[in-house]
Amino acid sequence: MTIECVAIIGLGLIGGSIGLAVQEMLPDIATTGWDADTEVRRRAAGRGLVGMVCETVAEAVGEADLVILCVPVGAMGHAAEAIAPHLKPGTIVSDVGSSKNSVGAALSAALPDAVIIPAHPVAGTEKSGPEAGFAELFRHRWCIVTPGNDAPQDAVDAVSGFWEGLGAKVEVMDADHHDLVLAVTSHIPHLIAYTIVGTASDLEDVTRGEVIKYSAGGFRDFTRIAASNPTMWRDVFLSNRDAVLEVLGRFTEDLSLLQRAIRNGDGDTLFDLFERTRTIRRSIIEEGQDDARPDFGRKDH
């Protein structure tokens, strides 16, 4: 199955980055795009995020071989319903959502006759909007593809090849397993960041602004994560509720263990945990998923 035209629905950070990456790395593929927000469409056109920013969703998807829904997971069903009457036969519909069970169900319900191949590029920044996108976002990052059991293999291969063409590493995974893994690696860390930054905000008056004034590196990393798109993350937690609650229960038990160790002066337990978690950090760097340089080698995009 050959992909010659890609339609991107939703022109924020991820959608915009896909459009820019295709133009840079897969220049033979034509790109169209649409966003429900008129102002976003105007700004996306100004940046040239896709080859053509369309004024209607019908115009955007009518000739597409692959449609990628780049909207919050809570809006996937609505977006799928909007494109449904305008797809040509055989068009692949995919997405970029970070919870796959709920998204797969929503797409299947709205598009019973479409070829649906859900996907999740595990990449992003705390920034959002059409100005936030950049072509290198997916390079050397994982994209997890979660096809259903009856998905055509040629369509799975086409979506996998598309993401590899953008510089990503592709893994095919069951949706249930994906949701549990991402609850551990992404969703719970975001929940913790939102919580600790919220606690600090509550203490601002008590500390007379010292929380912000004396922020150390750890707290600054929390605030970076907690600055992520609130609509997107609200939808993520609600759509991946079961896996998040399962992992959150385990985390709460582990946190209670740490509380007891600190209360009892149990330095051995604390040291053993910190040594084990430092090994995880080293493994992430060795895997190429982060950088040991100052500020983790991050550049401001």
C-alpha atoms as a PDB file:
ATOM      1  CA  MET A   1       0.000   0.000   0.000  1.00  0.00           C
ATOM      2  CA  THR A   2       1.496   3.308  -1.117  1.00  0.00           C
ATOM      3  CA  ILE A   3       0.857   6.570   0.730  1.00  0.00           C
ATOM      4  CA  GLU A   4       0.889   9.527  -1.649  1.00  0.00           C
ATOM      5  CA  CYS A   5      -1.267  12.031   0.257  1.00  0.00           C
ATOM      6  CA  VAL A   6      -1.550  12.550   4.018  1.00  0.00           C
ATOM      7  CA  ALA A   7      -4.282  14.641   5.660  1.00  0.00           C
ATOM      8  CA  ILE A   8      -3.571  16.010   9.131  1.00  0.00           C
ATOM      9  CA  ILE A   9      -6.583  16.916  11.262  1.00  0.00           C
ATOM     10  CA  GLY A  10      -5.476  19.194  14.090  1.00  0.00           C
ATOM     11  CA  LEU A  11      -2.549  21.545  13.447  1.00  0.00           C
ATOM     12  CA  GLY A  12      -0.966  21.966  16.880  1.00  0.00           C
ATOM     13  CA  LEU A  13       2.404  20.709  18.119  1.00  0.00           C
ATOM     14  CA  ILE A  14       2.095  17.110  16.884  1.00  0.00           C
ATOM     15  CA  GLY A  15       0.089  17.763  13.721  1.00  0.00           C
ATOM     16  CA  GLY A  16       2.321  20.662  12.754  1.00  0.00           C
ATOM     17  CA  SER A  17       5.464  18.648  13.414  1.00  0.00           C
ATOM     18  CA  ILE A  18       4.161  15.793  11.246  1.00  0.00           C
ATOM     19  CA  GLY A  19       3.476  18.230   8.415  1.00  0.00           C
ATOM     20  CA  LEU A  20       6.927  19.800   8.627  1.00  0.00           C
ATOM     21  CA  ALA A  21       8.633  16.406   8.943  1.00  0.00           C
ATOM     22  CA  VAL A  22       6.861  15.025   5.878  1.00  0.00           C
ATOM     23  CA  GLN A  23       7.885  18.016   3.799  1.00  0.00           C
ATOM     24  CA  GLU A  24      11.501  17.661   4.925  1.00  0.00           C
ATOM     25  CA  MET A  25      11.925  13.881   4.972  1.00  0.00           C
ATOM     26  CA  LEU A  26       9.211  12.491   2.670  1.00  0.00           C
ATOM     27  CA  PRO A  27       8.904  15.253   0.069  1.00  0.00           C
ATOM     28  CA  ASP A  28       7.129  13.024  -2.463  1.00  0.00           C
ATOM     29  CA  ILE A  29       4.106  12.783  -0.154  1.00  0.00           C
ATOM     30  CA  ALA A  30       1.555  15.581  -0.501  1.00  0.00           C
ATOM     31  CA  THR A  31       0.112  17.024   2.726  1.00  0.00           C
ATOM     32  CA  THR A  32      -3.192  18.709   3.489  1.00  0.00           C
ATOM     33  CA  GLY A  33      -4.380  19.942   6.849  1.00  0.00           C
ATOM     34  CA  TRP A  34      -7.411  21.246   8.685  1.00  0.00           C
ATOM     35  CA  ASP A  35      -8.129  22.540  12.165  1.00  0.00           C
ATOM     36  CA  ALA A  36     -11.491  23.388  13.684  1.00  0.00           C
ATOM     37  CA  ASP A  37     -10.094  26.755  14.841  1.00  0.00           C
ATOM     38  CA  THR A  38     -10.025  29.378  12.075  1.00  0.00           C
ATOM     39  CA  GLU A  39      -7.183  31.267  13.752  1.00  0.00           C
ATOM     40  CA  VAL A  40      -5.098  28.092  14.024  1.00  0.00           C
ATOM     41  CA  ARG A  41      -5.646  27.446  10.314  1.00  0.00           C
ATOM     42  CA  ARG A  42      -4.425  30.962   9.531  1.00  0.00           C
ATOM     43  CA  ARG A  43      -1.296  30.601  11.654  1.00  0.00           C
ATOM     44  CA  ALA A  44      -0.608  27.104  10.289  1.00  0.00           C
ATOM     45  CA  ALA A  45      -0.806  28.418   6.733  1.00  0.00           C
ATOM     46  CA  GLY A  46       1.546  31.252   7.657  1.00  0.00           C
ATOM     47  CA  ARG A  47       4.136  28.753   8.903  1.00  0.00           C
ATOM     48  CA  GLY A  48       3.613  26.387   5.959  1.00  0.00           C
ATOM     49  CA  LEU A  49       2.974  23.443   8.264  1.00  0.00           C
ATOM     50  CA  VAL A  50       1.380  21.477   5.405  1.00  0.00           C
ATOM     51  CA  GLY A  51       1.277  21.817   1.648  1.00  0.00           C
ATOM     52  CA  MET A  52      -2.312  23.068   1.763  1.00  0.00           C
ATOM     53  CA  VAL A  53      -4.344  24.256   4.739  1.00  0.00           C
ATOM     54  CA  CYS A  54      -7.954  23.584   3.761  1.00  0.00           C
ATOM     55  CA  GLU A  55     -11.046  25.508   4.794  1.00  0.00           C
ATOM     56  CA  THR A  56     -13.197  22.379   5.145  1.00  0.00           C
ATOM     57  CA  VAL A  57     -12.516  18.946   6.551  1.00  0.00           C
ATOM     58  CA  ALA A  58     -14.023  17.425   3.386  1.00  0.00           C
ATOM     59  CA  GLU A  59     -11.432  19.172   1.223  1.00  0.00           C
ATOM     60  CA  ALA A  60      -8.618  18.053   3.523  1.00  0.00           C
ATOM     61  CA  VAL A  61      -9.394  14.327   3.567  1.00  0.00           C
ATOM     62  CA  GLY A  62     -11.066  13.771   0.190  1.00  0.00           C
ATOM     63  CA  GLU A  63      -7.956  12.565  -1.654  1.00  0.00           C
ATOM     64  CA  ALA A  64      -5.951  11.304   1.315  1.00  0.00           C
ATOM     65  CA  ASP A  65      -4.478   7.811   1.491  1.00  0.00           C
ATOM     66  CA  LEU A  66      -3.730   8.348   5.193  1.00  0.00           C
ATOM     67  CA  VAL A  67      -5.625  10.586   7.619  1.00  0.00           C
ATOM     68  CA  ILE A  68      -3.960  11.308  10.971  1.00  0.00           C
ATOM     69  CA  LEU A  69      -6.162  12.675  13.746  1.00  0.00           C
ATOM     70  CA  CYS A  70      -4.027  14.991  15.897  1.00  0.00           C
ATOM     71  CA  VAL A  71      -6.655  16.089  18.401  1.00  0.00           C
ATOM     72  CA  PRO A  72      -7.058  15.457  22.159  1.00  0.00           C
ATOM     73  CA  VAL A  73      -8.114  11.864  22.833  1.00  0.00           C
ATOM     74  CA  GLY A  74     -11.487  13.036  24.129  1.00  0.00           C
ATOM     75  CA  ALA A  75     -12.213  14.594  20.745  1.00  0.00           C
ATOM     76  CA  MET A  76     -11.191  11.605  18.597  1.00  0.00           C
ATOM     77  CA  GLY A  77     -14.731  10.286  18.183  1.00  0.00           C
ATOM     78  CA  HIS A  78     -16.064  13.667  17.105  1.00  0.00           C
ATOM     79  CA  ALA A  79     -13.171  14.148  14.651  1.00  0.00           C
ATOM     80  CA  ALA A  80     -13.767  10.685  13.198  1.00  0.00           C
ATOM     81  CA  GLU A  81     -17.464  11.442  12.704  1.00  0.00           C
ATOM     82  CA  ALA A  82     -16.538  14.676  10.909  1.00  0.00           C
ATOM     83  CA  ILE A  83     -14.304  12.933   8.368  1.00  0.00           C
ATOM     84  CA  ALA A  84     -16.467   9.820   7.892  1.00  0.00           C
ATOM     85  CA  PRO A  85     -18.622  11.014   4.956  1.00  0.00           C
ATOM     86  CA  HIS A  86     -15.642  12.317   3.007  1.00  0.00           C
ATOM     87  CA  LEU A  87     -13.154   9.419   2.956  1.00  0.00           C
ATOM     88  CA  LYS A  88     -12.420   7.545  -0.230  1.00  0.00           C
ATOM     89  CA  PRO A  89     -12.514   3.726  -0.023  1.00  0.00           C
ATOM     90  CA  GLY A  90      -9.341   2.197   1.398  1.00  0.00           C
ATOM     91  CA  THR A  91      -8.149   5.295   3.224  1.00  0.00           C
ATOM     92  CA  ILE A  92      -6.190   4.491   6.371  1.00  0.00           C
ATOM     93  CA  VAL A  93      -7.239   6.429   9.466  1.00  0.00           C
ATOM     94  CA  SER A  94      -4.689   6.782  12.261  1.00  0.00           C
ATOM     95  CA  ASP A  95      -4.119   9.053  15.242  1.00  0.00           C
ATOM     96  CA  VAL A  96      -1.457  10.229  17.711  1.00  0.00           C
ATOM     97  CA  GLY A  97      -3.277   9.723  21.030  1.00  0.00           C
ATOM     98  CA  SER A  98      -1.433   8.469  24.100  1.00  0.00           C
ATOM     99  CA  SER A  99      -4.205   6.109  25.219  1.00  0.00           C
ATOM    100  CA  LYS A 100      -5.071   3.465  22.651  1.00  0.00           C
ATOM    101  CA  ASN A 101      -7.972   1.350  23.934  1.00  0.00           C
ATOM    102  CA  SER A 102     -10.424   4.226  24.164  1.00  0.00           C
ATOM    103  CA  VAL A 103      -9.248   5.802  20.916  1.00  0.00           C
ATOM    104  CA  GLY A 104      -9.430   2.538  19.004  1.00  0.00           C
ATOM    105  CA  ALA A 105     -12.993   2.000  20.212  1.00  0.00           C
ATOM    106  CA  ALA A 106     -14.028   5.552  19.317  1.00  0.00           C
ATOM    107  CA  LEU A 107     -12.568   5.323  15.805  1.00  0.00           C
ATOM    108  CA  SER A 108     -14.112   1.907  15.166  1.00  0.00           C
ATOM    109  CA  ALA A 109     -17.541   3.138  16.259  1.00  0.00           C
ATOM    110  CA  ALA A 110     -17.428   6.239  14.069  1.00  0.00           C
ATOM    111  CA  LEU A 111     -15.718   4.608  11.071  1.00  0.00           C
ATOM    112  CA  PRO A 112     -16.998   1.009  10.805  1.00  0.00           C
ATOM    113  CA  ASP A 113     -15.910   0.688   7.157  1.00  0.00           C
ATOM    114  CA  ALA A 114     -12.514   2.402   7.417  1.00  0.00           C
ATOM    115  CA  VAL A 115      -9.053   0.869   7.768  1.00  0.00           C
ATOM    116  CA  ILE A 116      -8.065   1.942  11.285  1.00  0.00           C
ATOM    117  CA  ILE A 117      -4.440   1.707  12.438  1.00  0.00           C
ATOM    118  CA  PRO A 118      -3.993   3.595  15.738  1.00  0.00           C
ATOM    119  CA  ALA A 119      -0.540   4.926  16.568  1.00  0.00           C
ATOM    120  CA  HIS A 120       1.211   6.909  19.275  1.00  0.00           C
ATOM    121  CA  PRO A 121       4.431   8.830  18.607  1.00  0.00           C
ATOM    122  CA  VAL A 122       6.077   9.005  22.036  1.00  0.00           C
ATOM    123  CA  ALA A 123       7.407  12.513  21.538  1.00  0.00           C
ATOM    124  CA  GLY A 124       6.403  16.004  22.466  1.00  0.00           C
ATOM    125  CA  THR A 125       7.198  19.112  24.443  1.00  0.00           C
ATOM    126  CA  GLU A 126       5.266  21.120  27.001  1.00  0.00           C
ATOM    127  CA  LYS A 127       4.434  23.673  24.294  1.00  0.00           C
ATOM    128  CA  SER A 128       1.345  23.623  22.120  1.00  0.00           C
ATOM    129  CA  GLY A 129      -0.181  25.352  19.118  1.00  0.00           C
ATOM    130  CA  PRO A 130       0.893  25.737  15.477  1.00  0.00           C
ATOM    131  CA  GLU A 131       4.004  27.710  16.442  1.00  0.00           C
ATOM    132  CA  ALA A 132       5.319  24.817  18.550  1.00  0.00           C
ATOM    133  CA  GLY A 133       5.875  22.265  15.786  1.00  0.00           C
ATOM    134  CA  PHE A 134       9.289  21.341  14.383  1.00  0.00           C
ATOM    135  CA  ALA A 135      10.369  18.704  11.869  1.00  0.00           C
ATOM    136  CA  GLU A 136      12.872  16.935  14.141  1.00  0.00           C
ATOM    137  CA  LEU A 137      10.369  16.090  16.889  1.00  0.00           C
ATOM    138  CA  PHE A 138      10.091  12.381  16.015  1.00  0.00           C
ATOM    139  CA  ARG A 139      13.714  11.588  15.185  1.00  0.00           C
ATOM    140  CA  HIS A 140      15.111   8.717  17.254  1.00  0.00           C
ATOM    141  CA  ARG A 141      11.867   8.559  19.235  1.00  0.00           C
ATOM    142  CA  TRP A 142       9.496   5.591  19.423  1.00  0.00           C
ATOM    143  CA  CYS A 143       6.170   5.403  17.646  1.00  0.00           C
ATOM    144  CA  ILE A 144       3.939   2.623  18.987  1.00  0.00           C
ATOM    145  CA  VAL A 145       1.444   1.186  16.502  1.00  0.00           C
ATOM    146  CA  THR A 146      -1.532  -0.683  17.995  1.00  0.00           C
ATOM    147  CA  PRO A 147      -3.548  -2.327  15.205  1.00  0.00           C
ATOM    148  CA  GLY A 148      -6.581  -4.457  15.916  1.00  0.00           C
ATOM    149  CA  ASN A 149      -6.454  -8.199  15.343  1.00  0.00           C
ATOM    150  CA  ASP A 150      -8.214  -7.898  11.984  1.00  0.00           C
ATOM    151  CA  ALA A 151      -6.110  -5.006  10.646  1.00  0.00           C
ATOM    152  CA  PRO A 152      -4.704  -5.597   7.130  1.00  0.00           C
ATOM    153  CA  GLN A 153      -0.971  -6.218   7.325  1.00  0.00           C
ATOM    154  CA  ASP A 154      -0.228  -3.995   4.348  1.00  0.00           C
ATOM    155  CA  ALA A 155      -1.904  -1.069   6.146  1.00  0.00           C
ATOM    156  CA  VAL A 156       0.082  -1.769   9.331  1.00  0.00           C
ATOM    157  CA  ASP A 157       3.262  -1.844   7.249  1.00  0.00           C
ATOM    158  CA  ALA A 158       2.300   1.405   5.500  1.00  0.00           C
ATOM    159  CA  VAL A 159       1.746   3.284   8.776  1.00  0.00           C
ATOM    160  CA  SER A 160       4.914   1.812  10.283  1.00  0.00           C
ATOM    161  CA  GLY A 161       6.905   2.779   7.191  1.00  0.00           C
ATOM    162  CA  PHE A 162       5.479   6.298   7.293  1.00  0.00           C
ATOM    163  CA  TRP A 163       6.676   6.879  10.853  1.00  0.00           C
ATOM    164  CA  GLU A 164      10.048   5.320  10.112  1.00  0.00           C
ATOM    165  CA  GLY A 165      10.299   7.776   7.225  1.00  0.00           C
ATOM    166  CA  LEU A 166       9.916  10.619   9.735  1.00  0.00           C
ATOM    167  CA  GLY A 167      12.869   9.281  11.703  1.00  0.00           C
ATOM    168  CA  ALA A 168      10.976   7.351  14.388  1.00  0.00           C
ATOM    169  CA  LYS A 169      11.607   3.836  15.661  1.00  0.00           C
ATOM    170  CA  VAL A 170       8.440   1.737  15.418  1.00  0.00           C
ATOM    171  CA  GLU A 171       7.092  -0.891  17.805  1.00  0.00           C
ATOM    172  CA  VAL A 172       3.856  -2.828  17.203  1.00  0.00           C
ATOM    173  CA  MET A 173       2.025  -3.486  20.474  1.00  0.00           C
ATOM    174  CA  ASP A 174      -1.308  -4.614  21.878  1.00  0.00           C
ATOM    175  CA  ALA A 175      -3.462  -1.627  22.947  1.00  0.00           C
ATOM    176  CA  ASP A 176      -3.962  -2.924  26.509  1.00  0.00           C
ATOM    177  CA  HIS A 177      -0.234  -3.328  27.015  1.00  0.00           C
ATOM    178  CA  HIS A 178       0.453   0.098  25.522  1.00  0.00           C
ATOM    179  CA  ASP A 179      -1.939   1.769  27.941  1.00  0.00           C
ATOM    180  CA  LEU A 180      -0.320   0.120  30.965  1.00  0.00           C
ATOM    181  CA  VAL A 181       3.217   0.955  29.815  1.00  0.00           C
ATOM    182  CA  LEU A 182       2.332   4.583  29.111  1.00  0.00           C
ATOM    183  CA  ALA A 183       0.567   4.905  32.454  1.00  0.00           C
ATOM    184  CA  VAL A 184       3.942   4.119  34.063  1.00  0.00           C
ATOM    185  CA  THR A 185       6.234   6.071  31.758  1.00  0.00           C
ATOM    186  CA  SER A 186       4.123   9.129  30.970  1.00  0.00           C
ATOM    187  CA  HIS A 187       0.716   9.492  32.572  1.00  0.00           C
ATOM    188  CA  ILE A 188       1.606   8.994  36.247  1.00  0.00           C
ATOM    189  CA  PRO A 189       4.742  11.205  35.972  1.00  0.00           C
ATOM    190  CA  HIS A 190       2.531  13.967  34.585  1.00  0.00           C
ATOM    191  CA  LEU A 191       0.011  13.434  37.375  1.00  0.00           C
ATOM    192  CA  ILE A 192       2.789  13.706  39.969  1.00  0.00           C
ATOM    193  CA  ALA A 193       4.134  16.862  38.310  1.00  0.00           C
ATOM    194  CA  TYR A 194       0.721  18.506  38.273  1.00  0.00           C
ATOM    195  CA  THR A 195       0.262  17.590  41.942  1.00  0.00           C
ATOM    196  CA  ILE A 196       3.610  18.837  43.281  1.00  0.00           C
ATOM    197  CA  VAL A 197       3.413  22.082  41.309  1.00  0.00           C
ATOM    198  CA  GLY A 198      -0.136  22.556  42.587  1.00  0.00           C
ATOM    199  CA  THR A 199       1.074  21.976  46.159  1.00  0.00           C
ATOM    200  CA  ALA A 200       3.828  24.548  45.643  1.00  0.00           C
ATOM    201  CA  SER A 201       1.276  26.992  44.295  1.00  0.00           C
ATOM    202  CA  ASP A 202      -0.789  26.562  47.466  1.00  0.00           C
ATOM    203  CA  LEU A 203       2.328  27.343  49.524  1.00  0.00           C
ATOM    204  CA  GLU A 204       3.255  30.490  47.609  1.00  0.00           C
ATOM    205  CA  ASP A 205       1.571  32.856  50.067  1.00  0.00           C
ATOM    206  CA  VAL A 206       3.102  31.034  53.046  1.00  0.00           C
ATOM    207  CA  THR A 207       6.623  31.205  51.616  1.00  0.00           C
ATOM    208  CA  ARG A 208       6.265  34.767  50.243  1.00  0.00           C
ATOM    209  CA  GLY A 209       7.255  33.750  46.723  1.00  0.00           C
ATOM    210  CA  GLU A 210      10.308  31.725  47.733  1.00  0.00           C
ATOM    211  CA  VAL A 211       9.074  28.565  45.998  1.00  0.00           C
ATOM    212  CA  ILE A 212       9.506  30.275  42.635  1.00  0.00           C
ATOM    213  CA  LYS A 213      12.555  32.359  43.612  1.00  0.00           C
ATOM    214  CA  TYR A 214      14.593  29.394  44.827  1.00  0.00           C
ATOM    215  CA  SER A 215      13.348  26.707  42.435  1.00  0.00           C
ATOM    216  CA  ALA A 216      15.967  24.007  42.031  1.00  0.00           C
ATOM    217  CA  GLY A 217      16.428  21.804  38.969  1.00  0.00           C
ATOM    218  CA  GLY A 218      14.050  19.098  40.143  1.00  0.00           C
ATOM    219  CA  PHE A 219      11.171  21.495  40.686  1.00  0.00           C
ATOM    220  CA  ARG A 220      11.892  23.257  37.389  1.00  0.00           C
ATOM    221  CA  ASP A 221      11.575  19.919  35.561  1.00  0.00           C
ATOM    222  CA  PHE A 222       8.235  19.352  37.298  1.00  0.00           C
ATOM    223  CA  THR A 223       6.991  22.785  36.174  1.00  0.00           C
ATOM    224  CA  ARG A 224       8.048  22.062  32.591  1.00  0.00           C
ATOM    225  CA  ILE A 225       5.955  18.891  32.558  1.00  0.00           C
ATOM    226  CA  ALA A 226       3.073  20.579  34.375  1.00  0.00           C
ATOM    227  CA  ALA A 227       2.959  23.294  31.694  1.00  0.00           C
ATOM    228  CA  SER A 228       1.649  20.755  29.162  1.00  0.00           C
ATOM    229  CA  ASN A 229      -1.672  21.214  27.377  1.00  0.00           C
ATOM    230  CA  PRO A 230      -4.410  20.913  30.045  1.00  0.00           C
ATOM    231  CA  THR A 231      -7.141  19.781  27.648  1.00  0.00           C
ATOM    232  CA  MET A 232      -4.979  17.001  26.260  1.00  0.00           C
ATOM    233  CA  TRP A 233      -3.951  15.717  29.688  1.00  0.00           C
ATOM    234  CA  ARG A 234      -7.433  15.914  31.158  1.00  0.00           C
ATOM    235  CA  ASP A 235      -8.591  13.663  28.325  1.00  0.00           C
ATOM    236  CA  VAL A 236      -5.626  11.297  28.727  1.00  0.00           C
ATOM    237  CA  PHE A 237      -6.375  10.617  32.385  1.00  0.00           C
ATOM    238  CA  LEU A 238     -10.065  10.080  31.760  1.00  0.00           C
ATOM    239  CA  SER A 239      -9.554   7.866  28.714  1.00  0.00           C
ATOM    240  CA  ASN A 240      -6.831   5.708  30.299  1.00  0.00           C
ATOM    241  CA  ARG A 241      -8.549   5.618  33.682  1.00  0.00           C
ATOM    242  CA  ASP A 242      -8.155   1.909  34.469  1.00  0.00           C
ATOM    243  CA  ALA A 243      -4.432   1.665  33.763  1.00  0.00           C
ATOM    244  CA  VAL A 244      -3.713   4.982  35.515  1.00  0.00           C
ATOM    245  CA  LEU A 245      -5.580   3.916  38.644  1.00  0.00           C
ATOM    246  CA  GLU A 246      -3.818   0.536  38.662  1.00  0.00           C
ATOM    247  CA  VAL A 247      -0.359   2.117  38.487  1.00  0.00           C
ATOM    248  CA  LEU A 248      -1.329   4.925  40.862  1.00  0.00           C
ATOM    249  CA  GLY A 249      -2.314   2.320  43.462  1.00  0.00           C
ATOM    250  CA  ARG A 250       1.119   0.698  43.201  1.00  0.00           C
ATOM    251  CA  PHE A 251       2.817   4.102  43.380  1.00  0.00           C
ATOM    252  CA  THR A 252       0.831   5.010  46.511  1.00  0.00           C
ATOM    253  CA  GLU A 253       2.027   1.796  48.191  1.00  0.00           C
ATOM    254  CA  ASP A 254       5.648   2.549  47.283  1.00  0.00           C
ATOM    255  CA  LEU A 255       5.300   6.116  48.546  1.00  0.00           C
ATOM    256  CA  SER A 256       3.985   4.800  51.877  1.00  0.00           C
ATOM    257  CA  LEU A 257       7.060   2.569  52.121  1.00  0.00           C
ATOM    258  CA  LEU A 258       9.298   5.617  51.675  1.00  0.00           C
ATOM    259  CA  GLN A 259       7.356   7.543  54.306  1.00  0.00           C
ATOM    260  CA  ARG A 260       7.945   4.711  56.796  1.00  0.00           C
ATOM    261  CA  ALA A 261      11.649   4.551  55.938  1.00  0.00           C
ATOM    262  CA  ILE A 262      12.101   8.277  56.521  1.00  0.00           C
ATOM    263  CA  ARG A 263      10.054   8.213  59.732  1.00  0.00           C
ATOM    264  CA  ASN A 264      12.050   5.226  61.060  1.00  0.00           C
ATOM    265  CA  GLY A 265      15.451   6.547  59.999  1.00  0.00           C
ATOM    266  CA  ASP A 266      15.880   3.562  57.673  1.00  0.00           C
ATOM    267  CA  GLY A 267      18.730   4.821  55.517  1.00  0.00           C
ATOM    268  CA  ASP A 268      19.429   1.413  53.962  1.00  0.00           C
ATOM    269  CA  THR A 269      15.965   1.275  52.345  1.00  0.00           C
ATOM    270  CA  LEU A 270      16.351   4.813  50.991  1.00  0.00           C
ATOM    271  CA  PHE A 271      19.849   4.148  49.639  1.00  0.00           C
ATOM    272  CA  ASP A 272      18.832   0.881  47.947  1.00  0.00           C
ATOM    273  CA  LEU A 273      15.917   2.577  46.182  1.00  0.00           C
ATOM    274  CA  PHE A 274      18.002   5.549  45.049  1.00  0.00           C
ATOM    275  CA  GLU A 275      20.743   3.255  43.745  1.00  0.00           C
ATOM    276  CA  ARG A 276      18.203   1.182  41.805  1.00  0.00           C
ATOM    277  CA  THR A 277      16.551   4.234  40.266  1.00  0.00           C
ATOM    278  CA  ARG A 278      19.905   5.714  39.246  1.00  0.00           C
ATOM    279  CA  THR A 279      20.480   2.552  37.205  1.00  0.00           C
ATOM    280  CA  ILE A 280      17.174   3.171  35.395  1.00  0.00           C
ATOM    281  CA  ARG A 281      18.370   6.677  34.483  1.00  0.00           C
ATOM    282  CA  ARG A 282      21.586   5.297  33.033  1.00  0.00           C
ATOM    283  CA  SER A 283      19.628   2.743  31.002  1.00  0.00           C
ATOM    284  CA  ILE A 284      17.421   5.469  29.506  1.00  0.00           C
ATOM    285  CA  ILE A 285      20.513   7.391  28.385  1.00  0.00           C
ATOM    286  CA  GLU A 286      22.105   4.231  26.954  1.00  0.00           C
ATOM    287  CA  GLU A 287      18.872   3.547  25.040  1.00  0.00           C
ATOM    288  CA  GLY A 288      19.181   7.000  23.456  1.00  0.00           C
ATOM    289  CA  GLN A 289      15.929   8.256  24.981  1.00  0.00           C
ATOM    290  CA  ASP A 290      17.607  11.173  26.780  1.00  0.00           C
ATOM    291  CA  ASP A 291      20.944  12.902  27.134  1.00  0.00           C
ATOM    292  CA  ALA A 292      23.429  13.090  30.001  1.00  0.00           C
ATOM    293  CA  ARG A 293      24.489  16.637  29.098  1.00  0.00           C
ATOM    294  CA  PRO A 294      23.371  19.601  31.250  1.00  0.00           C
ATOM    295  CA  ASP A 295      19.602  20.166  31.007  1.00  0.00           C
ATOM    296  CA  PHE A 296      19.480  16.708  29.350  1.00  0.00           C
ATOM    297  CA  GLY A 297      20.773  18.229  26.107  1.00  0.00           C
ATOM    298  CA  ARG A 298      17.425  19.900  25.504  1.00  0.00           C
ATOM    299  CA  LYS A 299      17.149  22.798  23.110  1.00  0.00           C
ATOM    300  CA  ASP A 300      14.471  25.443  23.355  1.00  0.00           C
ATOM    301  CA  HIS A 301      12.084  25.010  20.430  1.00  0.00           C
END
